[in-house]
Protein backbone atom coordinates (compact mmCIF):
# COMPACT_ATOMS: atom_id res chain seq x y z
CA UNK A 1 41.39 93.77 93.13
CA UNK A 2 44.97 94.71 93.96
CA UNK A 3 47.46 91.98 94.89
CA UNK A 4 49.62 92.89 97.88
CA UNK A 5 53.12 91.51 98.35
CA UNK A 6 54.23 90.21 101.74
CA UNK A 7 56.43 93.28 102.14
CA UNK A 8 53.51 95.64 101.41
CA UNK A 9 51.30 93.79 103.88
CA UNK A 10 53.91 94.09 106.61
CA UNK A 11 54.32 97.81 105.99
CA UNK A 12 50.55 98.37 106.11
CA UNK A 13 50.22 96.14 109.18
CA UNK A 14 52.94 98.06 111.07
CA UNK A 15 51.49 101.44 110.12
CA UNK A 16 47.89 100.59 111.07
CA UNK A 17 48.96 99.15 114.43
CA UNK A 18 50.95 102.32 115.15
CA UNK A 19 47.87 104.41 114.31
CA UNK A 20 45.66 102.20 116.48
CA UNK A 21 48.00 102.45 119.46
CA UNK A 22 48.31 106.23 119.06
CA UNK A 23 44.51 106.58 118.96
CA UNK A 24 44.04 105.14 122.45
CA UNK A 25 41.31 102.83 121.12
CA UNK A 26 41.30 99.09 121.53
CA UNK A 27 41.94 97.06 118.39
CA UNK A 28 38.27 96.06 118.18
CA UNK A 29 37.00 99.62 118.60
CA UNK A 30 39.56 100.97 116.14
CA UNK A 31 38.49 98.42 113.54
CA UNK A 32 34.84 99.42 113.87
CA UNK A 33 35.08 103.17 114.47
CA UNK A 34 38.05 104.02 112.24
CA UNK A 35 38.15 101.34 109.55
CA UNK A 36 34.40 100.75 109.32
CA UNK A 37 34.55 96.98 109.84
CA UNK A 38 31.40 95.36 111.18
CA UNK A 39 33.47 92.84 113.12
CA UNK A 40 36.06 94.34 115.43
CA UNK A 41 37.82 91.01 115.95
CA UNK A 42 39.20 91.34 112.42
CA UNK A 43 41.92 93.57 113.84
CA UNK A 44 43.34 90.61 115.74
CA UNK A 45 43.99 88.84 112.43
CA UNK A 46 45.63 91.98 111.05
CA UNK A 47 47.93 92.09 114.06
CA UNK A 48 48.74 88.40 114.45
CA UNK A 49 47.88 86.58 111.23
CA UNK A 50 48.70 89.16 108.59
CA UNK A 51 51.19 86.85 106.85
CA UNK A 52 49.04 83.72 106.87
CA UNK A 53 47.35 82.71 103.63
CA UNK A 54 43.64 83.59 103.51
CA UNK A 55 43.44 85.15 106.99
CA UNK A 56 43.34 88.78 105.83
CA UNK A 57 41.67 89.42 102.49
CA UNK A 58 42.72 91.84 99.77
CA UNK A 59 39.63 93.97 100.42
CA UNK A 60 40.76 94.43 104.04
CA UNK A 61 44.26 95.48 102.96
CA UNK A 62 42.66 97.95 100.55
CA UNK A 63 40.66 99.56 103.38
CA UNK A 64 43.81 99.76 105.51
CA UNK A 65 45.83 101.28 102.67
CA UNK A 66 43.19 103.98 102.08
CA UNK A 67 43.06 104.84 105.77
CA UNK A 68 46.85 104.99 106.08
CA UNK A 69 47.07 107.14 102.95
CA UNK A 70 44.49 109.52 104.37
CA UNK A 71 46.46 109.99 107.58
CA UNK A 72 49.71 110.57 105.68
CA UNK A 73 48.15 112.73 103.00
CA UNK A 74 47.68 115.97 104.90
CA UNK A 75 49.15 117.54 108.04
CA UNK A 76 47.05 120.18 109.76
CA UNK A 77 48.04 122.98 112.12
CA UNK A 78 46.05 124.61 114.95
CA UNK A 79 44.33 127.34 112.94
CA UNK A 80 41.95 129.93 114.37
CA UNK A 81 39.00 127.94 113.01
CA UNK A 82 40.21 124.70 114.58
CA UNK A 83 40.58 126.47 117.92
CA UNK A 84 37.03 127.86 117.64
CA UNK A 85 35.62 124.39 116.93
CA UNK A 86 37.57 122.77 119.76
CA UNK A 87 36.63 125.50 122.26
CA UNK A 88 32.97 125.16 121.26
CA UNK A 89 33.23 121.42 121.84
CA UNK A 90 34.81 121.97 125.26
CA UNK A 91 32.05 124.38 126.31
CA UNK A 92 29.28 122.13 125.02
CA UNK A 93 30.72 119.16 126.89
CA UNK A 94 31.30 121.04 130.15
CA UNK A 95 27.90 122.77 130.20
CA UNK A 96 25.94 119.90 128.60
CA UNK A 97 24.42 122.36 126.15
CA UNK A 98 23.68 122.35 122.39
CA UNK A 99 25.95 124.72 120.46
CA UNK A 100 26.61 125.45 116.81
CA UNK A 101 29.56 126.15 114.52
CA UNK A 102 28.91 127.74 111.14
CA UNK A 103 31.25 128.19 108.19
CA UNK A 104 31.33 127.93 104.43
CA UNK A 105 32.44 124.74 102.74
CA UNK A 106 36.18 124.20 103.01
CA UNK A 107 36.55 126.20 106.24
CA UNK A 108 37.72 123.15 108.21
CA UNK A 109 34.63 122.07 110.12
CA UNK A 110 34.95 118.35 109.41
CA UNK A 111 38.73 118.28 109.84
CA UNK A 112 38.49 120.07 113.19
CA UNK A 113 35.76 117.77 114.52
CA UNK A 114 37.61 114.63 113.44
CA UNK A 115 40.86 115.84 115.00
CA UNK A 116 39.03 116.74 118.21
CA UNK A 117 37.65 113.20 118.35
CA UNK A 118 41.13 111.77 117.79
CA UNK A 119 42.62 114.09 120.44
CA UNK A 120 40.15 112.87 123.04
CA UNK A 121 40.72 109.22 122.16
CA UNK A 122 44.49 109.60 122.22
CA UNK A 123 44.40 111.30 125.63
CA UNK A 124 41.76 108.92 127.02
CA UNK A 125 39.33 111.72 127.84
CA UNK A 126 35.57 111.50 127.34
CA UNK A 127 34.12 109.85 124.24
CA UNK A 128 33.30 112.04 121.25
CA UNK A 129 30.53 110.65 119.03
CA UNK A 130 30.82 111.96 115.47
CA UNK A 131 27.76 111.82 113.20
CA UNK A 132 28.06 112.82 109.54
CA UNK A 133 24.60 113.96 108.43
CA UNK A 134 25.64 114.85 104.88
CA UNK A 135 23.55 112.08 103.28
CA UNK A 136 20.48 112.63 105.45
CA UNK A 137 17.34 113.84 103.68
CA UNK A 138 14.51 113.02 106.11
CA UNK A 139 13.90 113.28 109.83
CA UNK A 140 13.63 109.51 110.11
CA UNK A 141 17.06 109.11 108.48
CA UNK A 142 18.52 111.70 110.84
CA UNK A 143 17.29 109.95 113.97
CA UNK A 144 18.33 106.52 112.68
CA UNK A 145 21.79 107.81 111.72
CA UNK A 146 22.29 109.46 115.10
CA UNK A 147 21.29 106.24 116.87
CA UNK A 148 23.78 104.28 114.78
CA UNK A 149 26.53 106.77 115.59
CA UNK A 150 25.71 106.34 119.28
CA UNK A 151 25.66 102.56 118.79
CA UNK A 152 22.20 102.18 120.31
CA UNK A 153 20.02 101.70 117.23
CA UNK A 154 16.61 100.12 117.72
CA UNK A 155 13.68 100.11 115.30
CA UNK A 156 10.54 101.99 116.25
CA UNK A 157 8.85 105.35 115.99
CA UNK A 158 10.99 108.46 116.21
CA UNK A 159 9.45 109.28 119.59
CA UNK A 160 10.42 105.85 120.90
CA UNK A 161 13.91 106.13 119.42
CA UNK A 162 14.44 109.50 121.08
CA UNK A 163 13.54 107.91 124.44
CA UNK A 164 16.03 105.11 123.79
CA UNK A 165 18.77 107.64 123.02
CA UNK A 166 17.93 109.71 126.10
CA UNK A 167 18.24 106.67 128.31
CA UNK A 168 21.47 105.66 126.57
CA UNK A 169 23.28 109.00 126.96
CA UNK A 170 22.24 109.26 130.62
CA UNK A 171 24.78 106.55 131.41
CA UNK A 172 27.59 107.90 129.22
CA UNK A 173 30.36 110.47 129.51
CA UNK A 174 30.23 111.74 125.94
CA UNK A 175 29.98 114.70 123.59
CA UNK A 176 27.89 114.41 120.41
CA UNK A 177 29.04 116.23 117.27
CA UNK A 178 26.72 116.45 114.26
CA UNK A 179 28.52 117.45 111.07
CA UNK A 180 26.84 118.74 107.89
CA UNK A 181 23.61 119.52 109.75
CA UNK A 182 22.80 121.96 106.93
CA UNK A 183 21.84 118.94 104.80
CA UNK A 184 18.51 119.10 106.65
CA UNK A 185 16.58 121.38 104.33
CA UNK A 186 13.61 123.62 105.06
CA UNK A 187 11.31 122.30 107.81
CA UNK A 188 13.37 119.15 108.38
CA UNK A 189 15.82 121.18 110.44
CA UNK A 190 13.29 121.38 113.26
CA UNK A 191 13.99 117.72 114.11
CA UNK A 192 17.03 118.91 116.03
CA UNK A 193 14.61 120.58 118.49
CA UNK A 194 13.41 117.13 119.52
CA UNK A 195 17.00 115.93 119.85
CA UNK A 196 17.99 118.94 121.97
CA UNK A 197 14.91 118.45 124.14
CA UNK A 198 15.61 114.75 124.63
CA UNK A 199 19.24 115.39 125.59
CA UNK A 200 18.59 118.50 127.70
CA UNK A 201 21.13 118.81 130.55
CA UNK A 202 22.37 115.27 129.88
CA UNK A 203 24.95 115.67 127.13
CA UNK A 204 26.56 118.42 125.07
CA UNK A 205 25.91 118.60 121.33
CA UNK A 206 27.81 120.53 118.66
CA UNK A 207 26.02 121.12 115.36
CA UNK A 208 28.30 122.08 112.46
CA UNK A 209 27.08 123.29 109.08
CA UNK A 210 27.17 125.96 106.41
CA UNK A 211 25.46 129.34 106.90
CA UNK A 212 22.32 127.81 105.33
CA UNK A 213 21.73 126.04 108.65
CA UNK A 214 21.28 129.25 110.64
CA UNK A 215 19.80 131.26 107.78
CA UNK A 216 17.13 128.59 107.35
CA UNK A 217 16.23 128.81 111.05
CA UNK A 218 16.20 132.61 110.98
CA UNK A 219 14.01 132.82 107.88
CA UNK A 220 11.54 130.35 109.33
CA UNK A 221 11.42 132.19 112.63
CA UNK A 222 10.83 135.57 110.92
CA UNK A 223 7.93 134.06 108.96
CA UNK A 224 6.58 132.48 112.16
CA UNK A 225 6.79 129.00 110.63
CA UNK A 226 5.91 126.15 112.97
CA UNK A 227 8.75 125.20 115.41
CA UNK A 228 11.46 127.35 113.81
CA UNK A 229 11.68 129.86 116.66
CA UNK A 230 11.57 127.07 119.25
CA UNK A 231 14.38 125.23 117.47
CA UNK A 232 16.61 128.29 117.20
CA UNK A 233 16.01 129.32 120.80
CA UNK A 234 17.21 125.96 122.12
CA UNK A 235 20.71 126.58 120.79
CA UNK A 236 22.90 127.85 123.62
CA UNK A 237 24.48 131.18 122.62
CA UNK A 238 25.00 132.42 119.09
CA UNK A 239 26.72 130.12 116.60
CA UNK A 240 30.49 130.34 116.38
CA UNK A 241 31.37 131.80 112.98
CA UNK A 242 34.37 130.43 111.10
CA UNK A 243 36.45 132.53 108.72
CA UNK A 244 38.60 132.15 105.63
CA UNK A 245 42.19 131.01 106.20
CA UNK A 246 44.80 133.73 106.55
CA UNK A 247 48.03 133.97 104.54
CA UNK A 248 49.95 133.05 107.69
CA UNK A 249 47.86 129.91 108.19
CA UNK A 250 48.23 128.89 104.55
CA UNK A 251 52.01 129.29 104.77
CA UNK A 252 52.20 127.26 108.00
CA UNK A 253 50.16 124.43 106.47
CA UNK A 254 52.27 124.36 103.31
CA UNK A 255 55.47 124.12 105.35
CA UNK A 256 54.00 121.42 107.61
CA UNK A 257 53.27 119.40 104.49
CA UNK A 258 56.81 119.60 103.14
CA UNK A 259 56.45 122.55 100.76
CA UNK A 260 59.48 124.56 101.80
CA UNK A 261 61.42 125.64 98.71
CA UNK A 262 61.06 129.26 97.70
CA UNK A 263 60.05 128.26 94.17
CA UNK A 264 57.14 126.08 95.33
CA UNK A 265 56.05 128.52 98.01
CA UNK A 266 56.01 131.39 95.52
CA UNK A 267 53.59 129.40 93.35
CA UNK A 268 51.18 128.13 96.02
CA UNK A 269 51.18 131.43 97.94
CA UNK A 270 50.29 133.41 94.79
CA UNK A 271 53.41 135.54 94.77
CA UNK A 272 53.88 135.07 91.03
CA UNK A 273 51.16 136.79 88.95
CA UNK A 274 51.45 134.26 86.12
CA UNK A 275 50.74 131.39 88.53
CA UNK A 276 48.05 133.07 90.63
CA UNK A 277 45.34 130.77 89.22
CA UNK A 278 47.36 127.82 90.56
CA UNK A 279 47.74 129.28 94.06
CA UNK A 280 45.53 128.93 97.11
CA UNK A 281 44.27 132.47 96.43
CA UNK A 282 42.17 131.03 93.59
CA UNK A 283 40.14 129.15 96.21
CA UNK A 284 40.52 130.86 99.60
CA UNK A 285 39.59 127.88 101.74
CA UNK A 286 41.44 125.11 103.53
CA UNK A 287 40.26 122.86 100.71
CA UNK A 288 42.01 125.21 98.32
CA UNK A 289 45.20 124.89 100.37
CA UNK A 290 44.87 121.10 100.26
CA UNK A 291 44.40 121.25 96.47
CA UNK A 292 47.68 123.15 96.15
CA UNK A 293 49.47 120.54 98.25
CA UNK A 294 48.10 117.82 95.97
CA UNK A 295 49.15 119.86 92.92
CA UNK A 296 52.75 119.99 94.14
CA UNK A 297 52.71 116.26 94.85
CA UNK A 298 51.27 115.64 91.39
CA UNK A 299 54.04 117.66 89.77
CA UNK A 300 56.59 115.36 91.40
CA UNK A 301 55.06 112.17 89.98
CA UNK A 302 57.44 110.71 87.37
CA UNK A 303 56.10 111.13 83.85
CA UNK A 304 55.66 108.26 81.42
CA UNK A 305 58.35 107.84 78.81
CA UNK A 306 56.42 107.82 75.54
CA UNK A 307 59.50 107.52 73.31
CA UNK A 308 59.24 104.46 71.07
CA UNK A 309 56.01 103.43 72.82
CA UNK A 310 54.03 100.94 70.79
CA UNK A 311 50.29 100.55 71.49
């Protein structure tokens, strides 16, 4: 495990406190919701006892360093897709309806949802509950994961757990966002019908996933498979469709992330035929743009001097 110097600890401590204060969350809530600590009181030690021997472990500093690096690693801009996701969230919250956002991988669904959550926390608006369903394979896992995201988990049957969640959200001013809902394959997707029914007129929900999510519902409904039509019909309005980034958006993101020289921009924007495979045009997604940013950063890493190296 990495050893951190006192100077490194102070830098990490100052950066994480600045991020916590900007988030609008309390130290305890930030530690749990952002850093994934089971004990929120750990943040107090980070703030006040960071320089005392044995009070903050190396594993904690490692988590902080990864989080700080993530926040400094990429700067986003308000793209058309981000605006679509945010506007869908606003409508779902205001109307207390279930809505959907659909886009291919790398179109910015997760980034937009996470930034919307941060925006609401920073401006002390309503609470946005974010649930990542990417690892879910069964209905039971989906319900349990949603309960954990809501922080109201109790063991029991799925029917009983849905009642617990309904009672819980009745008392809250929240929006629920479910990312990677397309991980629910085939008939498992119909579990969201029970969720939408339980939360009806109580809380807004935004489901985000790849086109498989809606295509799966449509195919099942056409074949008159059990509950597919009922599930699809409970979604309020048609899903919001996300699109590929535009050249203008790619350029704005590159500049926001410090890529400003004409030489670098010519490469990442695909203006040079010989470097087109290294440009964002080789992967026309926001993930492809991020890969180009990382490529430029990688090219600036000092190389090892192998002269007279003995192994």
